[in-house]
């Protein structure tokens, strides 16, 4: 097993993935920044770890025949990685499911509190040196709808439930007796649920079924004055439709992901007073990169011992099995 060749595909300006020294004596690890030498590296790789989804370069350099026996993504979402040679490969694919759940759940709680306590207005009034007493909402008893009741969605529901919110979820199939939720509906129930929720939170993966899901129609179905939070994938939301809804129908939105990333500096979303924007960082807690390396090492030890891998991905559907 010490002859096992592990290649870590990094972004051009990304530092090496920490925590992999634990593989000394177990594998030969190559951390590759950028595309130079990519084809040669893939042809000499047993295990591919992908931290940067430069899928065009990856697909162009994919070897034939392919020696790769396992692909691991250091992210929860793997939709961008599902290029034909990976989606149709005869090797396992795993992801970083679970690692970002708590960070994202705390981000969502913060966003809920931000709007309930009208913090954006407070910050604006502070900059204006303006005293403006107002009443704000309690979140206890408020209704939250989590669209995507998977690992992240369940953690979001657990955190929001702990502060007294009523949380329902949607999933590909309905579930009975999920302790994180009041109830979990099938995705087909989404239209009727939108009008009941004070907060609509997207945690779903990007799939053909969810791409463009939140359009003019679905935003119109949301309760007037509701808040929209997206920590799933940007392409689940039609940005133009959201901006229309923010102009009088919705109270506001917290957005960590976008159809176009990075969000251009001249994009009109930056100018909305009722929107909080962040740079696709909701789950990135201090020390997250080392945690990713340690998670991979743990899974590598399973792999070399012939044990079932943690966090397998259903490549046909493009997200983790659960």
C-alpha atoms as a PDB file:
ATOM      1  CA  UNK A   1       0.000   0.000   0.000  1.00  0.00           C
ATOM      2  CA  UNK A   2       3.007   2.328   0.387  1.00  0.00           C
ATOM      3  CA  UNK A   3       3.151   2.343  -3.421  1.00  0.00           C
ATOM      4  CA  UNK A   4      -0.337   3.876  -3.588  1.00  0.00           C
ATOM      5  CA  UNK A   5      -0.186   7.135  -5.510  1.00  0.00           C
ATOM      6  CA  UNK A   6      -2.366   9.977  -4.176  1.00  0.00           C
ATOM      7  CA  UNK A   7      -2.749  13.164  -6.207  1.00  0.00           C
ATOM      8  CA  UNK A   8      -4.327  16.255  -4.646  1.00  0.00           C
ATOM      9  CA  UNK A   9      -5.601  18.696  -7.282  1.00  0.00           C
ATOM     10  CA  UNK A  10      -5.295  22.231  -5.884  1.00  0.00           C
ATOM     11  CA  UNK A  11      -6.229  25.645  -7.237  1.00  0.00           C
ATOM     12  CA  UNK A  12      -3.250  27.561  -8.696  1.00  0.00           C
ATOM     13  CA  UNK A  13      -2.936  29.831  -5.633  1.00  0.00           C
ATOM     14  CA  UNK A  14      -4.096  27.319  -3.022  1.00  0.00           C
ATOM     15  CA  UNK A  15      -1.662  26.120  -0.327  1.00  0.00           C
ATOM     16  CA  UNK A  16      -1.161  22.381   0.150  1.00  0.00           C
ATOM     17  CA  UNK A  17      -3.911  20.483   1.933  1.00  0.00           C
ATOM     18  CA  UNK A  18      -2.724  20.076   5.546  1.00  0.00           C
ATOM     19  CA  UNK A  19      -2.869  16.896   7.573  1.00  0.00           C
ATOM     20  CA  UNK A  20      -1.574  14.505   4.900  1.00  0.00           C
ATOM     21  CA  UNK A  21       1.755  13.798   6.592  1.00  0.00           C
ATOM     22  CA  UNK A  22      -0.155  11.035   8.363  1.00  0.00           C
ATOM     23  CA  UNK A  23       0.052   9.134   5.055  1.00  0.00           C
ATOM     24  CA  UNK A  24       3.861   8.954   5.186  1.00  0.00           C
ATOM     25  CA  UNK A  25       4.808   5.317   4.653  1.00  0.00           C
ATOM     26  CA  UNK A  26       1.290   4.492   3.451  1.00  0.00           C
ATOM     27  CA  UNK A  27       1.169   6.376   0.159  1.00  0.00           C
ATOM     28  CA  UNK A  28       3.124   8.652  -2.153  1.00  0.00           C
ATOM     29  CA  UNK A  29       1.338  12.008  -2.052  1.00  0.00           C
ATOM     30  CA  UNK A  30       1.614  14.610  -4.804  1.00  0.00           C
ATOM     31  CA  UNK A  31      -0.075  18.000  -4.328  1.00  0.00           C
ATOM     32  CA  UNK A  32      -0.528  19.591  -7.744  1.00  0.00           C
ATOM     33  CA  UNK A  33      -1.192  23.315  -8.121  1.00  0.00           C
ATOM     34  CA  UNK A  34      -2.639  24.417 -11.438  1.00  0.00           C
ATOM     35  CA  UNK A  35      -2.867  22.438 -14.649  1.00  0.00           C
ATOM     36  CA  UNK A  36       0.817  21.996 -15.485  1.00  0.00           C
ATOM     37  CA  UNK A  37       1.598  18.294 -15.523  1.00  0.00           C
ATOM     38  CA  UNK A  38      -2.026  17.342 -14.857  1.00  0.00           C
ATOM     39  CA  UNK A  39      -2.276  14.694 -17.581  1.00  0.00           C
ATOM     40  CA  UNK A  40       0.960  13.028 -16.481  1.00  0.00           C
ATOM     41  CA  UNK A  41      -0.117  13.112 -12.838  1.00  0.00           C
ATOM     42  CA  UNK A  42      -3.530  11.552 -13.529  1.00  0.00           C
ATOM     43  CA  UNK A  43      -1.914   8.749 -15.500  1.00  0.00           C
ATOM     44  CA  UNK A  44       0.140   7.970 -12.377  1.00  0.00           C
ATOM     45  CA  UNK A  45      -2.649   8.206  -9.767  1.00  0.00           C
ATOM     46  CA  UNK A  46      -4.533   5.632  -7.727  1.00  0.00           C
ATOM     47  CA  UNK A  47      -6.480   8.077  -5.538  1.00  0.00           C
ATOM     48  CA  UNK A  48      -7.498  11.539  -6.726  1.00  0.00           C
ATOM     49  CA  UNK A  49      -8.403  14.228  -4.177  1.00  0.00           C
ATOM     50  CA  UNK A  50     -10.099  17.240  -5.760  1.00  0.00           C
ATOM     51  CA  UNK A  51     -10.140  20.547  -3.902  1.00  0.00           C
ATOM     52  CA  UNK A  52     -10.623  22.736  -6.973  1.00  0.00           C
ATOM     53  CA  UNK A  53     -13.212  21.851  -9.610  1.00  0.00           C
ATOM     54  CA  UNK A  54     -11.431  22.915 -12.805  1.00  0.00           C
ATOM     55  CA  UNK A  55     -13.518  20.378 -14.621  1.00  0.00           C
ATOM     56  CA  UNK A  56     -12.655  21.357 -18.199  1.00  0.00           C
ATOM     57  CA  UNK A  57      -8.953  20.798 -17.574  1.00  0.00           C
ATOM     58  CA  UNK A  58      -9.685  17.649 -15.587  1.00  0.00           C
ATOM     59  CA  UNK A  59     -11.836  16.150 -18.318  1.00  0.00           C
ATOM     60  CA  UNK A  60      -9.332  17.069 -21.043  1.00  0.00           C
ATOM     61  CA  UNK A  61      -6.472  15.458 -19.110  1.00  0.00           C
ATOM     62  CA  UNK A  62      -8.359  12.319 -18.045  1.00  0.00           C
ATOM     63  CA  UNK A  63      -6.239   9.264 -18.900  1.00  0.00           C
ATOM     64  CA  UNK A  64      -7.314   6.346 -21.070  1.00  0.00           C
ATOM     65  CA  UNK A  65      -6.817   3.731 -19.794  1.00  0.00           C
ATOM     66  CA  UNK A  66      -7.494   5.154 -16.327  1.00  0.00           C
ATOM     67  CA  UNK A  67      -5.558   3.867 -13.275  1.00  0.00           C
ATOM     68  CA  UNK A  68      -7.644   5.886 -10.794  1.00  0.00           C
ATOM     69  CA  UNK A  69      -9.389   3.688  -8.234  1.00  0.00           C
ATOM     70  CA  UNK A  70     -11.087   6.295  -6.037  1.00  0.00           C
ATOM     71  CA  UNK A  71     -12.011   9.999  -6.329  1.00  0.00           C
ATOM     72  CA  UNK A  72     -12.553  12.109  -3.212  1.00  0.00           C
ATOM     73  CA  UNK A  73     -14.008  15.638  -3.242  1.00  0.00           C
ATOM     74  CA  UNK A  74     -13.170  17.990  -0.373  1.00  0.00           C
ATOM     75  CA  UNK A  75     -16.649  19.537  -0.540  1.00  0.00           C
ATOM     76  CA  UNK A  76     -20.172  18.479   0.297  1.00  0.00           C
ATOM     77  CA  UNK A  77     -21.537  19.420  -3.142  1.00  0.00           C
ATOM     78  CA  UNK A  78     -20.135  17.449  -6.069  1.00  0.00           C
ATOM     79  CA  UNK A  79     -22.390  18.560  -8.924  1.00  0.00           C
ATOM     80  CA  UNK A  80     -19.552  20.337 -10.754  1.00  0.00           C
ATOM     81  CA  UNK A  81     -17.339  17.260 -10.493  1.00  0.00           C
ATOM     82  CA  UNK A  82     -19.738  14.941 -12.299  1.00  0.00           C
ATOM     83  CA  UNK A  83     -17.904  14.970 -15.638  1.00  0.00           C
ATOM     84  CA  UNK A  84     -18.553  11.823 -17.728  1.00  0.00           C
ATOM     85  CA  UNK A  85     -15.360   9.926 -16.793  1.00  0.00           C
ATOM     86  CA  UNK A  86     -16.126  10.353 -13.087  1.00  0.00           C
ATOM     87  CA  UNK A  87     -19.903  10.015 -13.257  1.00  0.00           C
ATOM     88  CA  UNK A  88     -19.603   6.847 -15.363  1.00  0.00           C
ATOM     89  CA  UNK A  89     -16.401   5.474 -13.815  1.00  0.00           C
ATOM     90  CA  UNK A  90     -16.166   2.075 -12.151  1.00  0.00           C
ATOM     91  CA  UNK A  91     -14.540   3.490  -8.984  1.00  0.00           C
ATOM     92  CA  UNK A  92     -16.059   4.952  -5.817  1.00  0.00           C
ATOM     93  CA  UNK A  93     -16.532   8.691  -5.347  1.00  0.00           C
ATOM     94  CA  UNK A  94     -16.736  10.226  -1.875  1.00  0.00           C
ATOM     95  CA  UNK A  95     -17.235  13.724  -0.507  1.00  0.00           C
ATOM     96  CA  UNK A  96     -16.762  15.787   2.647  1.00  0.00           C
ATOM     97  CA  UNK A  97     -20.301  15.287   3.928  1.00  0.00           C
ATOM     98  CA  UNK A  98     -20.791  16.168   7.566  1.00  0.00           C
ATOM     99  CA  UNK A  99     -17.746  18.361   7.969  1.00  0.00           C
ATOM    100  CA  UNK A 100     -19.458  21.638   7.096  1.00  0.00           C
ATOM    101  CA  UNK A 101     -22.865  20.915   8.627  1.00  0.00           C
ATOM    102  CA  UNK A 102     -22.460  22.729  11.936  1.00  0.00           C
ATOM    103  CA  UNK A 103     -20.813  25.800  10.442  1.00  0.00           C
ATOM    104  CA  UNK A 104     -23.588  26.177   7.888  1.00  0.00           C
ATOM    105  CA  UNK A 105     -26.266  25.641  10.530  1.00  0.00           C
ATOM    106  CA  UNK A 106     -24.773  28.374  12.712  1.00  0.00           C
ATOM    107  CA  UNK A 107     -24.581  30.682   9.676  1.00  0.00           C
ATOM    108  CA  UNK A 108     -28.294  30.089   9.055  1.00  0.00           C
ATOM    109  CA  UNK A 109     -29.140  30.797  12.682  1.00  0.00           C
ATOM    110  CA  UNK A 110     -27.163  34.018  12.455  1.00  0.00           C
ATOM    111  CA  UNK A 111     -29.045  35.014   9.310  1.00  0.00           C
ATOM    112  CA  UNK A 112     -32.402  34.290  10.930  1.00  0.00           C
ATOM    113  CA  UNK A 113     -31.447  36.448  13.924  1.00  0.00           C
ATOM    114  CA  UNK A 114     -30.109  39.155  11.620  1.00  0.00           C
ATOM    115  CA  UNK A 115     -33.514  39.632  10.049  1.00  0.00           C
ATOM    116  CA  UNK A 116     -35.619  38.959  13.142  1.00  0.00           C
ATOM    117  CA  UNK A 117     -33.735  41.655  15.057  1.00  0.00           C
ATOM    118  CA  UNK A 118     -33.560  44.029  12.066  1.00  0.00           C
ATOM    119  CA  UNK A 119     -29.786  44.215  12.400  1.00  0.00           C
ATOM    120  CA  UNK A 120     -29.210  45.515   8.875  1.00  0.00           C
ATOM    121  CA  UNK A 121     -31.304  48.566   9.742  1.00  0.00           C
ATOM    122  CA  UNK A 122     -29.465  48.967  13.047  1.00  0.00           C
ATOM    123  CA  UNK A 123     -26.121  49.037  11.225  1.00  0.00           C
ATOM    124  CA  UNK A 124     -27.460  51.549   8.729  1.00  0.00           C
ATOM    125  CA  UNK A 125     -28.806  53.788  11.495  1.00  0.00           C
ATOM    126  CA  UNK A 126     -25.507  53.506  13.364  1.00  0.00           C
ATOM    127  CA  UNK A 127     -23.603  54.787  10.321  1.00  0.00           C
ATOM    128  CA  UNK A 128     -26.108  57.660  10.136  1.00  0.00           C
ATOM    129  CA  UNK A 129     -25.749  58.356  13.905  1.00  0.00           C
ATOM    130  CA  UNK A 130     -29.518  58.096  14.023  1.00  0.00           C
ATOM    131  CA  UNK A 131     -31.519  56.908  17.066  1.00  0.00           C
ATOM    132  CA  UNK A 132     -34.476  54.890  15.774  1.00  0.00           C
ATOM    133  CA  UNK A 133     -36.328  52.814  18.381  1.00  0.00           C
ATOM    134  CA  UNK A 134     -38.291  49.904  16.910  1.00  0.00           C
ATOM    135  CA  UNK A 135     -39.839  46.585  17.912  1.00  0.00           C
ATOM    136  CA  UNK A 136     -38.399  43.381  16.473  1.00  0.00           C
ATOM    137  CA  UNK A 137     -39.606  39.824  16.081  1.00  0.00           C
ATOM    138  CA  UNK A 138     -39.094  36.757  18.252  1.00  0.00           C
ATOM    139  CA  UNK A 139     -37.894  33.664  16.442  1.00  0.00           C
ATOM    140  CA  UNK A 140     -39.494  31.323  18.969  1.00  0.00           C
ATOM    141  CA  UNK A 141     -42.561  29.905  17.260  1.00  0.00           C
ATOM    142  CA  UNK A 142     -41.574  31.158  13.803  1.00  0.00           C
ATOM    143  CA  UNK A 143     -41.839  28.656  10.953  1.00  0.00           C
ATOM    144  CA  UNK A 144     -38.833  27.610   8.908  1.00  0.00           C
ATOM    145  CA  UNK A 145     -38.897  25.518   5.736  1.00  0.00           C
ATOM    146  CA  UNK A 146     -35.646  23.716   4.918  1.00  0.00           C
ATOM    147  CA  UNK A 147     -35.492  22.775   1.252  1.00  0.00           C
ATOM    148  CA  UNK A 148     -33.153  19.795   1.200  1.00  0.00           C
ATOM    149  CA  UNK A 149     -33.479  17.624   4.300  1.00  0.00           C
ATOM    150  CA  UNK A 150     -30.110  15.920   3.971  1.00  0.00           C
ATOM    151  CA  UNK A 151     -27.125  16.057   6.306  1.00  0.00           C
ATOM    152  CA  UNK A 152     -26.784  19.847   6.227  1.00  0.00           C
ATOM    153  CA  UNK A 153     -30.526  20.398   6.297  1.00  0.00           C
ATOM    154  CA  UNK A 154     -30.924  18.161   9.343  1.00  0.00           C
ATOM    155  CA  UNK A 155     -28.249  20.097  11.255  1.00  0.00           C
ATOM    156  CA  UNK A 156     -29.919  23.379  10.315  1.00  0.00           C
ATOM    157  CA  UNK A 157     -33.242  22.006  11.552  1.00  0.00           C
ATOM    158  CA  UNK A 158     -31.664  20.807  14.813  1.00  0.00           C
ATOM    159  CA  UNK A 159     -30.131  24.210  15.557  1.00  0.00           C
ATOM    160  CA  UNK A 160     -33.269  26.165  14.670  1.00  0.00           C
ATOM    161  CA  UNK A 161     -35.445  23.746  16.603  1.00  0.00           C
ATOM    162  CA  UNK A 162     -33.262  24.266  19.674  1.00  0.00           C
ATOM    163  CA  UNK A 163     -34.258  27.949  19.784  1.00  0.00           C
ATOM    164  CA  UNK A 164     -37.948  27.146  19.536  1.00  0.00           C
ATOM    165  CA  UNK A 165     -38.633  27.418  15.818  1.00  0.00           C
ATOM    166  CA  UNK A 166     -40.994  25.041  14.050  1.00  0.00           C
ATOM    167  CA  UNK A 167     -39.027  23.420  11.236  1.00  0.00           C
ATOM    168  CA  UNK A 168     -40.351  21.377   8.346  1.00  0.00           C
ATOM    169  CA  UNK A 169     -38.310  20.018   5.474  1.00  0.00           C
ATOM    170  CA  UNK A 170     -38.566  18.755   1.940  1.00  0.00           C
ATOM    171  CA  UNK A 171     -36.653  15.858   0.456  1.00  0.00           C
ATOM    172  CA  UNK A 172     -36.805  13.688  -2.631  1.00  0.00           C
ATOM    173  CA  UNK A 173     -39.095  11.384  -0.678  1.00  0.00           C
ATOM    174  CA  UNK A 174     -41.143  12.115   2.475  1.00  0.00           C
ATOM    175  CA  UNK A 175     -39.854  10.741   5.778  1.00  0.00           C
ATOM    176  CA  UNK A 176     -41.720   9.784   8.908  1.00  0.00           C
ATOM    177  CA  UNK A 177     -40.402  10.330  12.425  1.00  0.00           C
ATOM    178  CA  UNK A 178     -37.268  12.366  11.623  1.00  0.00           C
ATOM    179  CA  UNK A 179     -36.397  13.876  15.023  1.00  0.00           C
ATOM    180  CA  UNK A 180     -34.757  16.949  13.455  1.00  0.00           C
ATOM    181  CA  UNK A 181     -37.996  18.101  11.810  1.00  0.00           C
ATOM    182  CA  UNK A 182     -41.631  18.508  12.697  1.00  0.00           C
ATOM    183  CA  UNK A 183     -42.179  16.658   9.439  1.00  0.00           C
ATOM    184  CA  UNK A 184     -40.387  15.973   6.143  1.00  0.00           C
ATOM    185  CA  UNK A 185     -42.428  16.273   2.960  1.00  0.00           C
ATOM    186  CA  UNK A 186     -41.681  15.091  -0.536  1.00  0.00           C
ATOM    187  CA  UNK A 187     -40.414  17.781  -2.889  1.00  0.00           C
ATOM    188  CA  UNK A 188     -43.769  17.786  -4.676  1.00  0.00           C
ATOM    189  CA  UNK A 189     -45.297  19.498  -1.620  1.00  0.00           C
ATOM    190  CA  UNK A 190     -42.988  22.507  -1.882  1.00  0.00           C
ATOM    191  CA  UNK A 191     -45.492  24.905  -3.536  1.00  0.00           C
ATOM    192  CA  UNK A 192     -48.056  24.593  -0.738  1.00  0.00           C
ATOM    193  CA  UNK A 193     -45.403  24.792   1.994  1.00  0.00           C
ATOM    194  CA  UNK A 194     -43.843  28.029   0.747  1.00  0.00           C
ATOM    195  CA  UNK A 195     -46.819  30.125   1.798  1.00  0.00           C
ATOM    196  CA  UNK A 196     -46.607  28.892   5.406  1.00  0.00           C
ATOM    197  CA  UNK A 197     -42.929  29.664   6.098  1.00  0.00           C
ATOM    198  CA  UNK A 198     -41.460  32.765   7.707  1.00  0.00           C
ATOM    199  CA  UNK A 199     -37.972  31.621   6.638  1.00  0.00           C
ATOM    200  CA  UNK A 200     -37.209  29.514   3.558  1.00  0.00           C
ATOM    201  CA  UNK A 201     -33.743  27.963   3.724  1.00  0.00           C
ATOM    202  CA  UNK A 202     -32.155  26.196   0.753  1.00  0.00           C
ATOM    203  CA  UNK A 203     -29.649  23.471   1.656  1.00  0.00           C
ATOM    204  CA  UNK A 204     -30.325  21.186  -1.312  1.00  0.00           C
ATOM    205  CA  UNK A 205     -27.645  19.949  -3.725  1.00  0.00           C
ATOM    206  CA  UNK A 206     -27.667  21.093  -7.333  1.00  0.00           C
ATOM    207  CA  UNK A 207     -29.266  18.434  -9.531  1.00  0.00           C
ATOM    208  CA  UNK A 208     -31.386  18.555 -12.680  1.00  0.00           C
ATOM    209  CA  UNK A 209     -34.430  18.596 -10.369  1.00  0.00           C
ATOM    210  CA  UNK A 210     -33.262  21.592  -8.334  1.00  0.00           C
ATOM    211  CA  UNK A 211     -31.565  23.748 -10.964  1.00  0.00           C
ATOM    212  CA  UNK A 212     -33.598  26.938 -11.329  1.00  0.00           C
ATOM    213  CA  UNK A 213     -36.126  25.672  -8.773  1.00  0.00           C
ATOM    214  CA  UNK A 214     -36.620  29.096  -7.208  1.00  0.00           C
ATOM    215  CA  UNK A 215     -37.947  31.195 -10.056  1.00  0.00           C
ATOM    216  CA  UNK A 216     -40.633  33.883 -10.342  1.00  0.00           C
ATOM    217  CA  UNK A 217     -43.352  31.293  -9.710  1.00  0.00           C
ATOM    218  CA  UNK A 218     -41.916  29.880  -6.484  1.00  0.00           C
ATOM    219  CA  UNK A 219     -40.927  33.263  -5.071  1.00  0.00           C
ATOM    220  CA  UNK A 220     -44.470  34.473  -5.712  1.00  0.00           C
ATOM    221  CA  UNK A 221     -45.753  31.508  -3.649  1.00  0.00           C
ATOM    222  CA  UNK A 222     -43.698  32.550  -0.626  1.00  0.00           C
ATOM    223  CA  UNK A 223     -45.393  34.305   2.266  1.00  0.00           C
ATOM    224  CA  UNK A 224     -45.271  38.112   1.979  1.00  0.00           C
ATOM    225  CA  UNK A 225     -42.593  39.405   4.337  1.00  0.00           C
ATOM    226  CA  UNK A 226     -40.746  36.078   4.484  1.00  0.00           C
ATOM    227  CA  UNK A 227     -36.948  35.771   4.425  1.00  0.00           C
ATOM    228  CA  UNK A 228     -35.044  33.660   1.882  1.00  0.00           C
ATOM    229  CA  UNK A 229     -31.697  32.052   2.800  1.00  0.00           C
ATOM    230  CA  UNK A 230     -29.544  30.142   0.310  1.00  0.00           C
ATOM    231  CA  UNK A 231     -26.614  28.047   1.539  1.00  0.00           C
ATOM    232  CA  UNK A 232     -27.110  25.324  -1.079  1.00  0.00           C
ATOM    233  CA  UNK A 233     -26.040  26.127  -4.621  1.00  0.00           C
ATOM    234  CA  UNK A 234     -26.382  29.382  -6.512  1.00  0.00           C
ATOM    235  CA  UNK A 235     -27.885  27.848  -9.634  1.00  0.00           C
ATOM    236  CA  UNK A 236     -30.906  26.637  -7.646  1.00  0.00           C
ATOM    237  CA  UNK A 237     -32.038  30.270  -7.659  1.00  0.00           C
ATOM    238  CA  UNK A 238     -32.837  32.490 -10.618  1.00  0.00           C
ATOM    239  CA  UNK A 239     -31.211  35.699  -9.429  1.00  0.00           C
ATOM    240  CA  UNK A 240     -33.378  38.031 -11.503  1.00  0.00           C
ATOM    241  CA  UNK A 241     -36.510  36.472 -10.024  1.00  0.00           C
ATOM    242  CA  UNK A 242     -35.129  36.844  -6.502  1.00  0.00           C
ATOM    243  CA  UNK A 243     -34.320  40.513  -7.039  1.00  0.00           C
ATOM    244  CA  UNK A 244     -37.864  41.114  -8.251  1.00  0.00           C
ATOM    245  CA  UNK A 245     -39.232  39.368  -5.146  1.00  0.00           C
ATOM    246  CA  UNK A 246     -36.992  41.461  -2.884  1.00  0.00           C
ATOM    247  CA  UNK A 247     -38.574  44.608  -4.251  1.00  0.00           C
ATOM    248  CA  UNK A 248     -41.623  44.600  -1.990  1.00  0.00           C
ATOM    249  CA  UNK A 249     -42.661  40.938  -1.608  1.00  0.00           C
ATOM    250  CA  UNK A 250     -39.930  39.426   0.581  1.00  0.00           C
ATOM    251  CA  UNK A 251     -38.465  41.034   3.695  1.00  0.00           C
ATOM    252  CA  UNK A 252     -34.946  40.106   2.714  1.00  0.00           C
ATOM    253  CA  UNK A 253     -32.429  37.440   1.795  1.00  0.00           C
ATOM    254  CA  UNK A 254     -29.156  36.015   3.065  1.00  0.00           C
ATOM    255  CA  UNK A 255     -27.099  34.599   0.212  1.00  0.00           C
ATOM    256  CA  UNK A 256     -23.853  32.647   0.475  1.00  0.00           C
ATOM    257  CA  UNK A 257     -23.951  31.167  -3.044  1.00  0.00           C
ATOM    258  CA  UNK A 258     -24.728  32.694  -6.429  1.00  0.00           C
ATOM    259  CA  UNK A 259     -25.373  31.802 -10.051  1.00  0.00           C
ATOM    260  CA  UNK A 260     -22.119  33.577 -10.896  1.00  0.00           C
ATOM    261  CA  UNK A 261     -19.169  33.337  -8.513  1.00  0.00           C
ATOM    262  CA  UNK A 262     -17.390  35.483  -7.584  1.00  0.00           C
ATOM    263  CA  UNK A 263     -20.313  37.882  -7.687  1.00  0.00           C
ATOM    264  CA  UNK A 264     -19.210  40.763  -9.971  1.00  0.00           C
ATOM    265  CA  UNK A 265     -18.543  44.072  -8.219  1.00  0.00           C
ATOM    266  CA  UNK A 266     -21.115  45.811 -10.410  1.00  0.00           C
ATOM    267  CA  UNK A 267     -23.896  43.268  -9.763  1.00  0.00           C
ATOM    268  CA  UNK A 268     -27.104  44.981  -8.544  1.00  0.00           C
ATOM    269  CA  UNK A 269     -27.429  42.584  -5.589  1.00  0.00           C
ATOM    270  CA  UNK A 270     -24.674  44.488  -3.805  1.00  0.00           C
ATOM    271  CA  UNK A 271     -26.948  47.517  -3.622  1.00  0.00           C
ATOM    272  CA  UNK A 272     -29.951  45.876  -1.924  1.00  0.00           C
ATOM    273  CA  UNK A 273     -30.419  47.200   1.617  1.00  0.00           C
ATOM    274  CA  UNK A 274     -32.376  44.082   2.632  1.00  0.00           C
ATOM    275  CA  UNK A 275     -29.769  41.513   1.542  1.00  0.00           C
ATOM    276  CA  UNK A 276     -26.780  40.000   3.344  1.00  0.00           C
ATOM    277  CA  UNK A 277     -24.112  38.623   1.015  1.00  0.00           C
ATOM    278  CA  UNK A 278     -21.163  36.373   1.832  1.00  0.00           C
ATOM    279  CA  UNK A 279     -18.471  34.835  -0.345  1.00  0.00           C
ATOM    280  CA  UNK A 280     -19.447  31.118  -0.377  1.00  0.00           C
ATOM    281  CA  UNK A 281     -18.038  30.718   3.119  1.00  0.00           C
ATOM    282  CA  UNK A 282     -20.956  29.658   5.306  1.00  0.00           C
ATOM    283  CA  UNK A 283     -19.378  26.365   6.320  1.00  0.00           C
ATOM    284  CA  UNK A 284     -15.713  27.408   6.373  1.00  0.00           C
ATOM    285  CA  UNK A 285     -14.843  27.452  10.067  1.00  0.00           C
ATOM    286  CA  UNK A 286     -11.372  28.203  11.403  1.00  0.00           C
ATOM    287  CA  UNK A 287      -9.305  25.062  10.785  1.00  0.00           C
ATOM    288  CA  UNK A 288     -11.597  23.647   8.092  1.00  0.00           C
ATOM    289  CA  UNK A 289      -8.812  22.802   5.641  1.00  0.00           C
ATOM    290  CA  UNK A 290      -6.937  20.709   8.205  1.00  0.00           C
ATOM    291  CA  UNK A 291     -10.206  19.008   9.087  1.00  0.00           C
ATOM    292  CA  UNK A 292     -10.645  18.156   5.403  1.00  0.00           C
ATOM    293  CA  UNK A 293      -7.199  16.582   5.304  1.00  0.00           C
ATOM    294  CA  UNK A 294      -7.874  14.572   8.441  1.00  0.00           C
ATOM    295  CA  UNK A 295     -11.230  13.419   7.076  1.00  0.00           C
ATOM    296  CA  UNK A 296      -9.524  12.150   3.918  1.00  0.00           C
ATOM    297  CA  UNK A 297      -6.813  10.362   5.916  1.00  0.00           C
ATOM    298  CA  UNK A 298      -9.478   8.588   7.960  1.00  0.00           C
ATOM    299  CA  UNK A 299     -11.218   7.471   4.775  1.00  0.00           C
ATOM    300  CA  UNK A 300      -7.894   6.413   3.228  1.00  0.00           C
ATOM    301  CA  UNK A 301      -7.294   4.112   6.177  1.00  0.00           C
ATOM    302  CA  UNK A 302     -10.716   2.565   5.580  1.00  0.00           C
ATOM    303  CA  UNK A 303      -9.858   2.114   1.915  1.00  0.00           C
ATOM    304  CA  UNK A 304      -6.484   0.450   2.491  1.00  0.00           C
ATOM    305  CA  UNK A 305      -8.057  -1.945   5.008  1.00  0.00           C
ATOM    306  CA  UNK A 306     -10.852  -2.869   2.611  1.00  0.00           C
ATOM    307  CA  UNK A 307     -13.540  -1.311   4.788  1.00  0.00           C
ATOM    308  CA  UNK A 308     -16.563   0.557   3.382  1.00  0.00           C
ATOM    309  CA  UNK A 309     -15.734   4.158   2.555  1.00  0.00           C
ATOM    310  CA  UNK A 310     -17.447   6.958   4.443  1.00  0.00           C
ATOM    311  CA  UNK A 311     -19.546   9.486   2.540  1.00  0.00           C
ATOM    312  CA  UNK A 312     -20.115   7.635  -0.742  1.00  0.00           C
ATOM    313  CA  UNK A 313     -21.618   9.694  -3.573  1.00  0.00           C
ATOM    314  CA  UNK A 314     -24.434   8.484  -5.792  1.00  0.00           C
ATOM    315  CA  UNK A 315     -22.888   9.594  -9.082  1.00  0.00           C
ATOM    316  CA  UNK A 316     -26.104   9.002 -11.014  1.00  0.00           C
ATOM    317  CA  UNK A 317     -27.879  11.597  -8.862  1.00  0.00           C
ATOM    318  CA  UNK A 318     -24.876  13.806  -8.112  1.00  0.00           C
ATOM    319  CA  UNK A 319     -25.010  13.898  -4.331  1.00  0.00           C
ATOM    320  CA  UNK A 320     -24.143  11.814  -1.271  1.00  0.00           C
ATOM    321  CA  UNK A 321     -26.085   8.664  -0.478  1.00  0.00           C
ATOM    322  CA  UNK A 322     -28.266   8.872   2.614  1.00  0.00           C
END
